[in-house]
PDB file of N, CA and C in Angstrom:
ATOM      1  N   GLY A   1       0.824  -1.180   0.000  1.00  0.00           N
ATOM      2  CA  GLY A   1       0.000   0.000   0.000  1.00  0.00           C
ATOM      3  C   GLY A   1       0.862   1.236   0.000  1.00  0.00           C
ATOM      4  N   THR A   2       0.382   2.276  -0.597  1.00  0.00           N
ATOM      5  CA  THR A   2       1.121   3.528  -0.612  1.00  0.00           C
ATOM      6  C   THR A   2       0.381   4.576   0.197  1.00  0.00           C
ATOM      7  N   ALA A   3       1.106   5.571   0.661  1.00  0.00           N
ATOM      8  CA  ALA A   3       0.510   6.626   1.477  1.00  0.00           C
ATOM      9  C   ALA A   3       1.412   7.840   1.462  1.00  0.00           C
ATOM     10  N   LEU A   4       0.922   8.924   2.029  1.00  0.00           N
ATOM     11  CA  LEU A   4       1.780  10.074   2.259  1.00  0.00           C
ATOM     12  C   LEU A   4       2.846   9.656   3.253  1.00  0.00           C
ATOM     13  N   ALA A   5       3.909  10.399   3.362  1.00  0.00           N
ATOM     14  CA  ALA A   5       5.079   9.988   4.144  1.00  0.00           C
ATOM     15  C   ALA A   5       4.768   9.633   5.590  1.00  0.00           C
ATOM     16  N   THR A   6       3.775  10.237   6.215  1.00  0.00           N
ATOM     17  CA  THR A   6       3.546   9.995   7.639  1.00  0.00           C
ATOM     18  C   THR A   6       2.233   9.286   7.930  1.00  0.00           C
ATOM     19  N   SER A   7       1.568   8.745   6.944  1.00  0.00           N
ATOM     20  CA  SER A   7       0.263   8.139   7.193  1.00  0.00           C
ATOM     21  C   SER A   7       0.254   6.652   6.874  1.00  0.00           C
ATOM     22  N   VAL A   8      -0.896   6.053   7.052  1.00  0.00           N
ATOM     23  CA  VAL A   8      -1.066   4.636   6.753  1.00  0.00           C
ATOM     24  C   VAL A   8      -1.487   4.477   5.295  1.00  0.00           C
ATOM     25  N   ALA A   9      -1.398   3.273   4.797  1.00  0.00           N
ATOM     26  CA  ALA A   9      -1.742   3.007   3.401  1.00  0.00           C
ATOM     27  C   ALA A   9      -3.195   3.369   3.119  1.00  0.00           C
ATOM     28  N   ASP A  10      -3.418   4.025   1.984  1.00  0.00           N
ATOM     29  CA  ASP A  10      -4.783   4.359   1.598  1.00  0.00           C
ATOM     30  C   ASP A  10      -5.203   3.688   0.292  1.00  0.00           C
ATOM     31  N   ARG A  11      -4.268   3.002  -0.365  1.00  0.00           N
ATOM     32  CA  ARG A  11      -4.582   2.237  -1.568  1.00  0.00           C
ATOM     33  C   ARG A  11      -3.446   1.268  -1.848  1.00  0.00           C
ATOM     34  N   TYR A  12      -3.736   0.280  -2.660  1.00  0.00           N
ATOM     35  CA  TYR A  12      -2.741  -0.710  -3.040  1.00  0.00           C
ATOM     36  C   TYR A  12      -2.503  -0.641  -4.534  1.00  0.00           C
ATOM     37  N   LEU A  13      -1.229  -0.723  -4.907  1.00  0.00           N
ATOM     38  CA  LEU A  13      -0.819  -0.677  -6.301  1.00  0.00           C
ATOM     39  C   LEU A  13       0.086  -1.861  -6.596  1.00  0.00           C
ATOM     40  N   ARG A  14       0.102  -2.286  -7.870  1.00  0.00           N
ATOM     41  CA  ARG A  14       1.075  -3.276  -8.295  1.00  0.00           C
ATOM     42  C   ARG A  14       2.426  -2.582  -8.420  1.00  0.00           C
ATOM     43  N   ALA A  15       3.504  -3.335  -8.356  1.00  0.00           N
ATOM     44  CA  ALA A  15       4.848  -2.754  -8.448  1.00  0.00           C
ATOM     45  C   ALA A  15       5.038  -1.991  -9.758  1.00  0.00           C
ATOM     46  N   ASP A  16       4.460  -2.477 -10.853  1.00  0.00           N
ATOM     47  CA  ASP A  16       4.621  -1.779 -12.131  1.00  0.00           C
ATOM     48  C   ASP A  16       3.914  -0.424 -12.146  1.00  0.00           C
ATOM     49  N   GLN A  17       2.977  -0.200 -11.240  1.00  0.00           N
ATOM     50  CA  GLN A  17       2.287   1.086 -11.165  1.00  0.00           C
ATOM     51  C   GLN A  17       3.071   2.114 -10.344  1.00  0.00           C
ATOM     52  N   ILE A  18       4.082   1.682  -9.618  1.00  0.00           N
ATOM     53  CA  ILE A  18       4.889   2.580  -8.795  1.00  0.00           C
ATOM     54  C   ILE A  18       6.070   3.138  -9.585  1.00  0.00           C
ATOM     55  N   VAL A  19       6.533   2.381 -10.567  1.00  0.00           N
ATOM     56  CA  VAL A  19       7.688   2.784 -11.373  1.00  0.00           C
ATOM     57  C   VAL A  19       7.315   3.949 -12.289  1.00  0.00           C
ATOM     58  N   VAL A  20       8.179   4.962 -12.322  1.00  0.00           N
ATOM     59  CA  VAL A  20       8.020   6.101 -13.234  1.00  0.00           C
ATOM     60  C   VAL A  20       9.065   5.917 -14.335  1.00  0.00           C
ATOM     61  N   PRO A  21       8.664   5.500 -15.541  1.00  0.00           N
ATOM     62  CA  PRO A  21       9.630   5.233 -16.606  1.00  0.00           C
ATOM     63  C   PRO A  21      10.538   6.432 -16.886  1.00  0.00           C
ATOM     64  N   GLY A  22      11.850   6.185 -16.877  1.00  0.00           N
ATOM     65  CA  GLY A  22      12.823   7.222 -17.174  1.00  0.00           C
ATOM     66  C   GLY A  22      13.063   8.222 -16.060  1.00  0.00           C
ATOM     67  N   ASP A  23      12.495   7.986 -14.878  1.00  0.00           N
ATOM     68  CA  ASP A  23      12.640   8.932 -13.766  1.00  0.00           C
ATOM     69  C   ASP A  23      12.974   8.164 -12.489  1.00  0.00           C
ATOM     70  N   ALA A  24      14.269   7.928 -12.276  1.00  0.00           N
ATOM     71  CA  ALA A  24      14.702   7.165 -11.098  1.00  0.00           C
ATOM     72  C   ALA A  24      14.318   7.864  -9.802  1.00  0.00           C
ATOM     73  N   ALA A  25      14.423   9.192  -9.762  1.00  0.00           N
ATOM     74  CA  ALA A  25      14.073   9.935  -8.540  1.00  0.00           C
ATOM     75  C   ALA A  25      12.582   9.799  -8.238  1.00  0.00           C
ATOM     76  N   GLY A  26      11.752   9.880  -9.267  1.00  0.00           N
ATOM     77  CA  GLY A  26      10.309   9.713  -9.082  1.00  0.00           C
ATOM     78  C   GLY A  26       9.959   8.311  -8.616  1.00  0.00           C
ATOM     79  N   THR A  27      10.635   7.311  -9.193  1.00  0.00           N
ATOM     80  CA  THR A  27      10.413   5.927  -8.776  1.00  0.00           C
ATOM     81  C   THR A  27      10.819   5.741  -7.322  1.00  0.00           C
ATOM     82  N   ASN A  28      11.991   6.261  -6.926  1.00  0.00           N
ATOM     83  CA  ASN A  28      12.432   6.157  -5.530  1.00  0.00           C
ATOM     84  C   ASN A  28      11.464   6.859  -4.591  1.00  0.00           C
ATOM     85  N   ALA A  29      10.946   8.015  -4.992  1.00  0.00           N
ATOM     86  CA  ALA A  29       9.977   8.735  -4.158  1.00  0.00           C
ATOM     87  C   ALA A  29       8.715   7.901  -3.970  1.00  0.00           C
ATOM     88  N   ASN A  30       8.261   7.253  -5.030  1.00  0.00           N
ATOM     89  CA  ASN A  30       7.074   6.399  -4.914  1.00  0.00           C
ATOM     90  C   ASN A  30       7.334   5.212  -3.994  1.00  0.00           C
ATOM     91  N   TRP A  31       8.484   4.551  -4.164  1.00  0.00           N
ATOM     92  CA  TRP A  31       8.788   3.394  -3.323  1.00  0.00           C
ATOM     93  C   TRP A  31       8.949   3.796  -1.857  1.00  0.00           C
ATOM     94  N   SER A  32       9.410   5.019  -1.598  1.00  0.00           N
ATOM     95  CA  SER A  32       9.582   5.453  -0.204  1.00  0.00           C
ATOM     96  C   SER A  32       8.246   5.638   0.504  1.00  0.00           C
ATOM     97  N   ARG A  33       7.151   5.707  -0.243  1.00  0.00           N
ATOM     98  CA  ARG A  33       5.826   5.849   0.361  1.00  0.00           C
ATOM     99  C   ARG A  33       5.149   4.508   0.629  1.00  0.00           C
ATOM    100  N   VAL A  34       5.796   3.413   0.276  1.00  0.00           N
ATOM    101  CA  VAL A  34       5.206   2.087   0.509  1.00  0.00           C
ATOM    102  C   VAL A  34       5.147   1.821   2.007  1.00  0.00           C
ATOM    103  N   ARG A  35       3.978   1.467   2.508  1.00  0.00           N
ATOM    104  CA  ARG A  35       3.772   1.218   3.935  1.00  0.00           C
ATOM    105  C   ARG A  35       3.383  -0.221   4.240  1.00  0.00           C
ATOM    106  N   SER A  36       2.944  -0.952   3.229  1.00  0.00           N
ATOM    107  CA  SER A  36       2.577  -2.347   3.447  1.00  0.00           C
ATOM    108  C   SER A  36       2.647  -3.097   2.124  1.00  0.00           C
ATOM    109  N   LEU A  37       2.703  -4.412   2.233  1.00  0.00           N
ATOM    110  CA  LEU A  37       2.750  -5.291   1.070  1.00  0.00           C
ATOM    111  C   LEU A  37       1.545  -6.213   1.121  1.00  0.00           C
ATOM    112  N   ARG A  38       0.918  -6.424  -0.011  1.00  0.00           N
ATOM    113  CA  ARG A  38      -0.180  -7.383  -0.088  1.00  0.00           C
ATOM    114  C   ARG A  38       0.335  -8.580  -0.883  1.00  0.00           C
ATOM    115  N   ILE A  39       0.201  -9.745  -0.306  1.00  0.00           N
ATOM    116  CA  ILE A  39       0.694 -10.971  -0.926  1.00  0.00           C
ATOM    117  C   ILE A  39      -0.478 -11.910  -1.133  1.00  0.00           C
ATOM    118  N   GLY A  40      -0.570 -12.458  -2.320  1.00  0.00           N
ATOM    119  CA  GLY A  40      -1.640 -13.396  -2.632  1.00  0.00           C
ATOM    120  C   GLY A  40      -1.062 -14.713  -3.114  1.00  0.00           C
ATOM    121  N   MET A  41      -1.712 -15.786  -2.718  1.00  0.00           N
ATOM    122  CA  MET A  41      -1.286 -17.123  -3.140  1.00  0.00           C
ATOM    123  C   MET A  41      -2.520 -17.915  -3.545  1.00  0.00           C
ATOM    124  N   LEU A  42      -2.315 -18.853  -4.428  1.00  0.00           N
ATOM    125  CA  LEU A  42      -3.363 -19.788  -4.794  1.00  0.00           C
ATOM    126  C   LEU A  42      -2.870 -21.176  -4.417  1.00  0.00           C
ATOM    127  N   LEU A  43      -3.574 -21.801  -3.495  1.00  0.00           N
ATOM    128  CA  LEU A  43      -3.207 -23.138  -3.036  1.00  0.00           C
ATOM    129  C   LEU A  43      -3.959 -24.161  -3.874  1.00  0.00           C
ATOM    130  N   ARG A  44      -3.306 -25.282  -4.174  1.00  0.00           N
ATOM    131  CA  ARG A  44      -3.905 -26.297  -5.035  1.00  0.00           C
ATOM    132  C   ARG A  44      -3.782 -27.669  -4.401  1.00  0.00           C
ATOM    133  N   GLY A  45      -4.878 -28.402  -4.385  1.00  0.00           N
ATOM    134  CA  GLY A  45      -4.883 -29.762  -3.868  1.00  0.00           C
ATOM    135  C   GLY A  45      -4.613 -30.770  -4.977  1.00  0.00           C
ATOM    136  N   PRO A  46      -4.551 -32.038  -4.617  1.00  0.00           N
ATOM    137  CA  PRO A  46      -4.307 -33.074  -5.628  1.00  0.00           C
ATOM    138  C   PRO A  46      -5.519 -33.255  -6.543  1.00  0.00           C
ATOM    139  N   GLN A  47      -5.295 -33.869  -7.702  1.00  0.00           N
ATOM    140  CA  GLN A  47      -6.402 -34.155  -8.613  1.00  0.00           C
ATOM    141  C   GLN A  47      -7.431 -35.018  -7.897  1.00  0.00           C
ATOM    142  N   GLY A  48      -8.697 -34.686  -8.133  1.00  0.00           N
ATOM    143  CA  GLY A  48      -9.779 -35.434  -7.505  1.00  0.00           C
ATOM    144  C   GLY A  48     -10.163 -34.915  -6.131  1.00  0.00           C
ATOM    145  N   SER A  49      -9.509 -33.862  -5.638  1.00  0.00           N
ATOM    146  CA  SER A  49      -9.822 -33.352  -4.299  1.00  0.00           C
ATOM    147  C   SER A  49     -11.049 -32.435  -4.296  1.00  0.00           C
ATOM    148  N   ALA A  50     -11.442 -31.896  -5.451  1.00  0.00           N
ATOM    149  CA  ALA A  50     -12.632 -31.042  -5.532  1.00  0.00           C
ATOM    150  C   ALA A  50     -13.873 -31.908  -5.713  1.00  0.00           C
ATOM    151  N   GLN A  51     -15.003 -31.393  -5.262  1.00  0.00           N
ATOM    152  CA  GLN A  51     -16.251 -32.138  -5.411  1.00  0.00           C
ATOM    153  C   GLN A  51     -16.780 -32.081  -6.833  1.00  0.00           C
ATOM    154  N   GLN A  52     -16.395 -31.029  -7.578  1.00  0.00           N
ATOM    155  CA  GLN A  52     -16.864 -30.873  -8.954  1.00  0.00           C
ATOM    156  C   GLN A  52     -15.696 -30.523  -9.868  1.00  0.00           C
ATOM    157  N   ASN A  53     -15.806 -30.926 -11.127  1.00  0.00           N
ATOM    158  CA  ASN A  53     -14.827 -30.540 -12.147  1.00  0.00           C
ATOM    159  C   ASN A  53     -15.339 -29.285 -12.844  1.00  0.00           C
ATOM    160  N   VAL A  54     -14.963 -28.104 -12.352  1.00  0.00           N
ATOM    161  CA  VAL A  54     -15.398 -26.852 -12.970  1.00  0.00           C
ATOM    162  C   VAL A  54     -14.197 -25.929 -13.155  1.00  0.00           C
ATOM    163  N   ALA A  55     -14.213 -25.195 -14.261  1.00  0.00           N
ATOM    164  CA  ALA A  55     -13.182 -24.182 -14.492  1.00  0.00           C
ATOM    165  C   ALA A  55     -13.543 -22.952 -13.666  1.00  0.00           C
ATOM    166  N   GLU A  56     -12.552 -22.352 -13.007  1.00  0.00           N
ATOM    167  CA  GLU A  56     -12.785 -21.172 -12.178  1.00  0.00           C
ATOM    168  C   GLU A  56     -11.713 -20.129 -12.455  1.00  0.00           C
ATOM    169  N   THR A  57     -12.039 -18.871 -12.179  1.00  0.00           N
ATOM    170  CA  THR A  57     -11.076 -17.780 -12.271  1.00  0.00           C
ATOM    171  C   THR A  57     -10.765 -17.303 -10.865  1.00  0.00           C
ATOM    172  N   PHE A  58      -9.479 -17.191 -10.554  1.00  0.00           N
ATOM    173  CA  PHE A  58      -9.039 -16.753  -9.229  1.00  0.00           C
ATOM    174  C   PHE A  58      -8.256 -15.450  -9.356  1.00  0.00           C
ATOM    175  N   TYR A  59      -8.403 -14.602  -8.335  1.00  0.00           N
ATOM    176  CA  TYR A  59      -7.679 -13.341  -8.232  1.00  0.00           C
ATOM    177  C   TYR A  59      -6.890 -13.377  -6.924  1.00  0.00           C
ATOM    178  N   PRO A  60      -5.642 -13.862  -6.950  1.00  0.00           N
ATOM    179  CA  PRO A  60      -4.872 -14.032  -5.716  1.00  0.00           C
ATOM    180  C   PRO A  60      -4.656 -12.762  -4.901  1.00  0.00           C
ATOM    181  N   LEU A  61      -4.761 -11.581  -5.518  1.00  0.00           N
ATOM    182  CA  LEU A  61      -4.561 -10.337  -4.771  1.00  0.00           C
ATOM    183  C   LEU A  61      -5.874  -9.714  -4.314  1.00  0.00           C
ATOM    184  N   GLY A  62      -6.960 -10.433  -4.439  1.00  0.00           N
ATOM    185  CA  GLY A  62      -8.238  -9.958  -3.926  1.00  0.00           C
ATOM    186  C   GLY A  62      -9.251  -9.646  -5.008  1.00  0.00           C
ATOM    187  N   LEU A  63     -10.492  -9.457  -4.572  1.00  0.00           N
ATOM    188  CA  LEU A  63     -11.608  -9.231  -5.479  1.00  0.00           C
ATOM    189  C   LEU A  63     -12.007  -7.767  -5.616  1.00  0.00           C
ATOM    190  N   ALA A  64     -11.169  -6.844  -5.161  1.00  0.00           N
ATOM    191  CA  ALA A  64     -11.517  -5.418  -5.241  1.00  0.00           C
ATOM    192  C   ALA A  64     -11.739  -5.012  -6.696  1.00  0.00           C
ATOM    193  N   LYS A  65     -12.697  -4.111  -6.895  1.00  0.00           N
ATOM    194  CA  LYS A  65     -13.000  -3.597  -8.229  1.00  0.00           C
ATOM    195  C   LYS A  65     -12.188  -2.331  -8.496  1.00  0.00           C
ATOM    196  N   ALA A  66     -11.815  -2.113  -9.757  1.00  0.00           N
ATOM    197  CA  ALA A  66     -11.076  -0.910 -10.136  1.00  0.00           C
ATOM    198  C   ALA A  66     -11.970   0.324 -10.076  1.00  0.00           C
ATOM    199  N   SER A  67     -13.279   0.125 -10.207  1.00  0.00           N
ATOM    200  CA  SER A  67     -14.244   1.218 -10.107  1.00  0.00           C
ATOM    201  C   SER A  67     -15.553   0.633  -9.610  1.00  0.00           C
ATOM    202  N   SER A  68     -16.522   1.483  -9.346  1.00  0.00           N
ATOM    203  CA  SER A  68     -17.799   0.984  -8.830  1.00  0.00           C
ATOM    204  C   SER A  68     -18.496   0.074  -9.828  1.00  0.00           C
ATOM    205  N   THR A  69     -18.213   0.233 -11.111  1.00  0.00           N
ATOM    206  CA  THR A  69     -18.835  -0.621 -12.120  1.00  0.00           C
ATOM    207  C   THR A  69     -17.865  -1.670 -12.665  1.00  0.00           C
ATOM    208  N   GLY A  70     -16.666  -1.737 -12.105  1.00  0.00           N
ATOM    209  CA  GLY A  70     -15.661  -2.684 -12.575  1.00  0.00           C
ATOM    210  C   GLY A  70     -15.999  -4.120 -12.215  1.00  0.00           C
ATOM    211  N   THR A  71     -15.265  -5.028 -12.814  1.00  0.00           N
ATOM    212  CA  THR A  71     -15.463  -6.438 -12.517  1.00  0.00           C
ATOM    213  C   THR A  71     -14.670  -6.818 -11.272  1.00  0.00           C
ATOM    214  N   PRO A  72     -15.152  -7.803 -10.513  1.00  0.00           N
ATOM    215  CA  PRO A  72     -14.402  -8.242  -9.327  1.00  0.00           C
ATOM    216  C   PRO A  72     -12.980  -8.653  -9.710  1.00  0.00           C
ATOM    217  N   GLY A  73     -12.018  -8.225  -8.907  1.00  0.00           N
ATOM    218  CA  GLY A  73     -10.619  -8.551  -9.155  1.00  0.00           C
ATOM    219  C   GLY A  73      -9.898  -7.580 -10.056  1.00  0.00           C
ATOM    220  N   SER A  74     -10.608  -6.621 -10.648  1.00  0.00           N
ATOM    221  CA  SER A  74      -9.986  -5.734 -11.633  1.00  0.00           C
ATOM    222  C   SER A  74      -9.041  -4.700 -11.025  1.00  0.00           C
ATOM    223  N   ALA A  75      -9.139  -4.422  -9.736  1.00  0.00           N
ATOM    224  CA  ALA A  75      -8.275  -3.405  -9.125  1.00  0.00           C
ATOM    225  C   ALA A  75      -6.816  -3.824  -9.124  1.00  0.00           C
ATOM    226  N   MET A  76      -6.531  -5.086  -8.925  1.00  0.00           N
ATOM    227  CA  MET A  76      -5.143  -5.540  -8.836  1.00  0.00           C
ATOM    228  C   MET A  76      -4.727  -6.452  -9.985  1.00  0.00           C
ATOM    229  N   SER A  77      -5.599  -6.728 -10.926  1.00  0.00           N
ATOM    230  CA  SER A  77      -5.243  -7.634 -12.010  1.00  0.00           C
ATOM    231  C   SER A  77      -4.658  -6.873 -13.193  1.00  0.00           C
ATOM    232  N   SER A  78      -3.801  -7.546 -13.933  1.00  0.00           N
ATOM    233  CA  SER A  78      -3.168  -6.948 -15.103  1.00  0.00           C
ATOM    234  C   SER A  78      -2.805  -8.045 -16.088  1.00  0.00           C
ATOM    235  N   THR A  79      -3.084  -7.803 -17.357  1.00  0.00           N
ATOM    236  CA  THR A  79      -2.687  -8.782 -18.369  1.00  0.00           C
ATOM    237  C   THR A  79      -1.172  -8.853 -18.493  1.00  0.00           C
ATOM    238  N   ASN A  80      -0.460  -7.807 -18.049  1.00  0.00           N
ATOM    239  CA  ASN A  80       1.005  -7.801 -18.074  1.00  0.00           C
ATOM    240  C   ASN A  80       1.610  -8.594 -16.928  1.00  0.00           C
ATOM    241  N   ASP A  81       0.805  -8.960 -15.953  1.00  0.00           N
ATOM    242  CA  ASP A  81       1.286  -9.713 -14.789  1.00  0.00           C
ATOM    243  C   ASP A  81       0.435 -10.966 -14.643  1.00  0.00           C
ATOM    244  N   PRO A  82       0.900 -12.083 -15.203  1.00  0.00           N
ATOM    245  CA  PRO A  82       0.080 -13.296 -15.215  1.00  0.00           C
ATOM    246  C   PRO A  82      -0.245 -13.856 -13.832  1.00  0.00           C
ATOM    247  N   GLY A  83       0.436 -13.413 -12.794  1.00  0.00           N
ATOM    248  CA  GLY A  83       0.146 -13.907 -11.454  1.00  0.00           C
ATOM    249  C   GLY A  83      -1.055 -13.261 -10.799  1.00  0.00           C
ATOM    250  N   THR A  84      -1.620 -12.225 -11.426  1.00  0.00           N
ATOM    251  CA  THR A  84      -2.743 -11.519 -10.815  1.00  0.00           C
ATOM    252  C   THR A  84      -4.092 -12.127 -11.169  1.00  0.00           C
ATOM    253  N   ILE A  85      -4.130 -12.940 -12.207  1.00  0.00           N
ATOM    254  CA  ILE A  85      -5.353 -13.635 -12.614  1.00  0.00           C
ATOM    255  C   ILE A  85      -4.961 -15.069 -12.947  1.00  0.00           C
ATOM    256  N   PHE A  86      -5.739 -16.030 -12.459  1.00  0.00           N
ATOM    257  CA  PHE A  86      -5.461 -17.420 -12.811  1.00  0.00           C
ATOM    258  C   PHE A  86      -6.761 -18.084 -13.216  1.00  0.00           C
ATOM    259  N   ASN A  87      -6.803 -18.547 -14.454  1.00  0.00           N
ATOM    260  CA  ASN A  87      -7.955 -19.291 -14.952  1.00  0.00           C
ATOM    261  C   ASN A  87      -7.655 -20.773 -14.786  1.00  0.00           C
ATOM    262  N   ALA A  88      -8.217 -21.352 -13.733  1.00  0.00           N
ATOM    263  CA  ALA A  88      -7.947 -22.756 -13.416  1.00  0.00           C
ATOM    264  C   ALA A  88      -8.747 -23.666 -14.342  1.00  0.00           C
ATOM    265  N   PRO A  89      -8.111 -24.701 -14.850  1.00  0.00           N
ATOM    266  CA  PRO A  89      -8.838 -25.647 -15.693  1.00  0.00           C
ATOM    267  C   PRO A  89      -9.763 -26.527 -14.848  1.00  0.00           C
ATOM    268  N   ALA A  90     -10.687 -27.181 -15.506  1.00  0.00           N
ATOM    269  CA  ALA A  90     -11.600 -28.104 -14.824  1.00  0.00           C
ATOM    270  C   ALA A  90     -10.884 -29.438 -14.648  1.00  0.00           C
ATOM    271  N   ASP A  91      -9.935 -29.484 -13.711  1.00  0.00           N
ATOM    272  CA  ASP A  91      -9.108 -30.673 -13.524  1.00  0.00           C
ATOM    273  C   ASP A  91      -9.408 -31.425 -12.232  1.00  0.00           C
ATOM    274  N   GLY A  92     -10.462 -31.036 -11.525  1.00  0.00           N
ATOM    275  CA  GLY A  92     -10.839 -31.744 -10.300  1.00  0.00           C
ATOM    276  C   GLY A  92      -9.990 -31.407  -9.092  1.00  0.00           C
ATOM    277  N   ARG A  93      -9.190 -30.368  -9.165  1.00  0.00           N
ATOM    278  CA  ARG A  93      -8.364 -29.964  -8.024  1.00  0.00           C
ATOM    279  C   ARG A  93      -9.110 -28.928  -7.183  1.00  0.00           C
ATOM    280  N   LEU A  94      -9.025 -29.081  -5.880  1.00  0.00           N
ATOM    281  CA  LEU A  94      -9.565 -28.092  -4.958  1.00  0.00           C
ATOM    282  C   LEU A  94      -8.563 -26.952  -4.865  1.00  0.00           C
ATOM    283  N   ARG A  95      -9.034 -25.715  -5.018  1.00  0.00           N
ATOM    284  CA  ARG A  95      -8.154 -24.548  -4.954  1.00  0.00           C
ATOM    285  C   ARG A  95      -8.710 -23.537  -3.971  1.00  0.00           C
ATOM    286  N   GLN A  96      -7.812 -22.817  -3.312  1.00  0.00           N
ATOM    287  CA  GLN A  96      -8.196 -21.775  -2.360  1.00  0.00           C
ATOM    288  C   GLN A  96      -7.254 -20.595  -2.540  1.00  0.00           C
ATOM    289  N   SER A  97      -7.818 -19.419  -2.704  1.00  0.00           N
ATOM    290  CA  SER A  97      -7.028 -18.200  -2.809  1.00  0.00           C
ATOM    291  C   SER A  97      -6.857 -17.602  -1.418  1.00  0.00           C
ATOM    292  N   VAL A  98      -5.623 -17.200  -1.093  1.00  0.00           N
ATOM    293  CA  VAL A  98      -5.307 -16.634   0.219  1.00  0.00           C
ATOM    294  C   VAL A  98      -4.580 -15.305  -0.004  1.00  0.00           C
ATOM    295  N   THR A  99      -5.029 -14.265   0.675  1.00  0.00           N
ATOM    296  CA  THR A  99      -4.408 -12.946   0.574  1.00  0.00           C
ATOM    297  C   THR A  99      -4.081 -12.454   1.970  1.00  0.00           C
ATOM    298  N   PHE A 100      -2.881 -11.899   2.153  1.00  0.00           N
ATOM    299  CA  PHE A 100      -2.556 -11.316   3.454  1.00  0.00           C
ATOM    300  C   PHE A 100      -1.717 -10.064   3.255  1.00  0.00           C
ATOM    301  N   THR A 101      -1.692  -9.230   4.280  1.00  0.00           N
ATOM    302  CA  THR A 101      -1.013  -7.942   4.218  1.00  0.00           C
ATOM    303  C   THR A 101       0.067  -7.874   5.282  1.00  0.00           C
ATOM    304  N   ILE A 102       1.233  -7.394   4.898  1.00  0.00           N
ATOM    305  CA  ILE A 102       2.344  -7.197   5.828  1.00  0.00           C
ATOM    306  C   ILE A 102       2.561  -5.693   5.956  1.00  0.00           C
ATOM    307  N   HIS A 103       2.450  -5.182   7.163  1.00  0.00           N
ATOM    308  CA  HIS A 103       2.688  -3.760   7.403  1.00  0.00           C
ATOM    309  C   HIS A 103       4.165  -3.546   7.718  1.00  0.00           C
ATOM    310  N   LEU A 104       4.781  -2.578   7.068  1.00  0.00           N
ATOM    311  CA  LEU A 104       6.192  -2.272   7.266  1.00  0.00           C
ATOM    312  C   LEU A 104       6.324  -1.273   8.403  1.00  0.00           C
ATOM    313  N   ARG A 105       7.111  -1.619   9.393  1.00  0.00           N
ATOM    314  CA  ARG A 105       7.237  -0.778  10.582  1.00  0.00           C
ATOM    315  C   ARG A 105       8.122   0.438  10.366  1.00  0.00           C
ATOM    316  N   ASN A 106       9.117   0.304   9.532  1.00  0.00           N
ATOM    317  CA  ASN A 106      10.101   1.375   9.374  1.00  0.00           C
ATOM    318  C   ASN A 106       9.882   2.142   8.082  1.00  0.00           C
ATOM    319  N   ASP A 107      10.271   3.402   8.087  1.00  0.00           N
ATOM    320  CA  ASP A 107      10.204   4.235   6.896  1.00  0.00           C
ATOM    321  C   ASP A 107      11.060   3.603   5.803  1.00  0.00           C
ATOM    322  N   GLN A 108      10.553   3.575   4.590  1.00  0.00           N
ATOM    323  CA  GLN A 108      11.273   2.962   3.481  1.00  0.00           C
ATOM    324  C   GLN A 108      12.039   3.991   2.662  1.00  0.00           C
ATOM    325  N   GLY A 109      12.474   5.076   3.306  1.00  0.00           N
ATOM    326  CA  GLY A 109      13.227   6.117   2.601  1.00  0.00           C
ATOM    327  C   GLY A 109      14.430   5.522   1.902  1.00  0.00           C
ATOM    328  N   LEU A 110      14.537   5.776   0.615  1.00  0.00           N
ATOM    329  CA  LEU A 110      15.633   5.190  -0.173  1.00  0.00           C
ATOM    330  C   LEU A 110      16.748   6.188  -0.377  1.00  0.00           C
TER     331      LEU A 110
END
């Protein structure tokens, strides 16, 4: 999550959204405002562990919408980052998406 220098996170961005192309100082300034990290994982069981064979779409970084009319998961998903969306095949595996947040205690001044 990013925030003003002395506050708590008010939004979450992907790492590619923090980088300012061609501006190292701007990129460093953005990274210095990072106050927390959001980590998402998709856990997968063995074949046959699910009760049904259905294809599903998972958003490991959460279901937040990019706007009030956006689709679930669109806030953190990107076609440029294949880890933000996973279209699971109908292979009979039980899957669970897990998201957690780590708050950084120290200023990340670079």
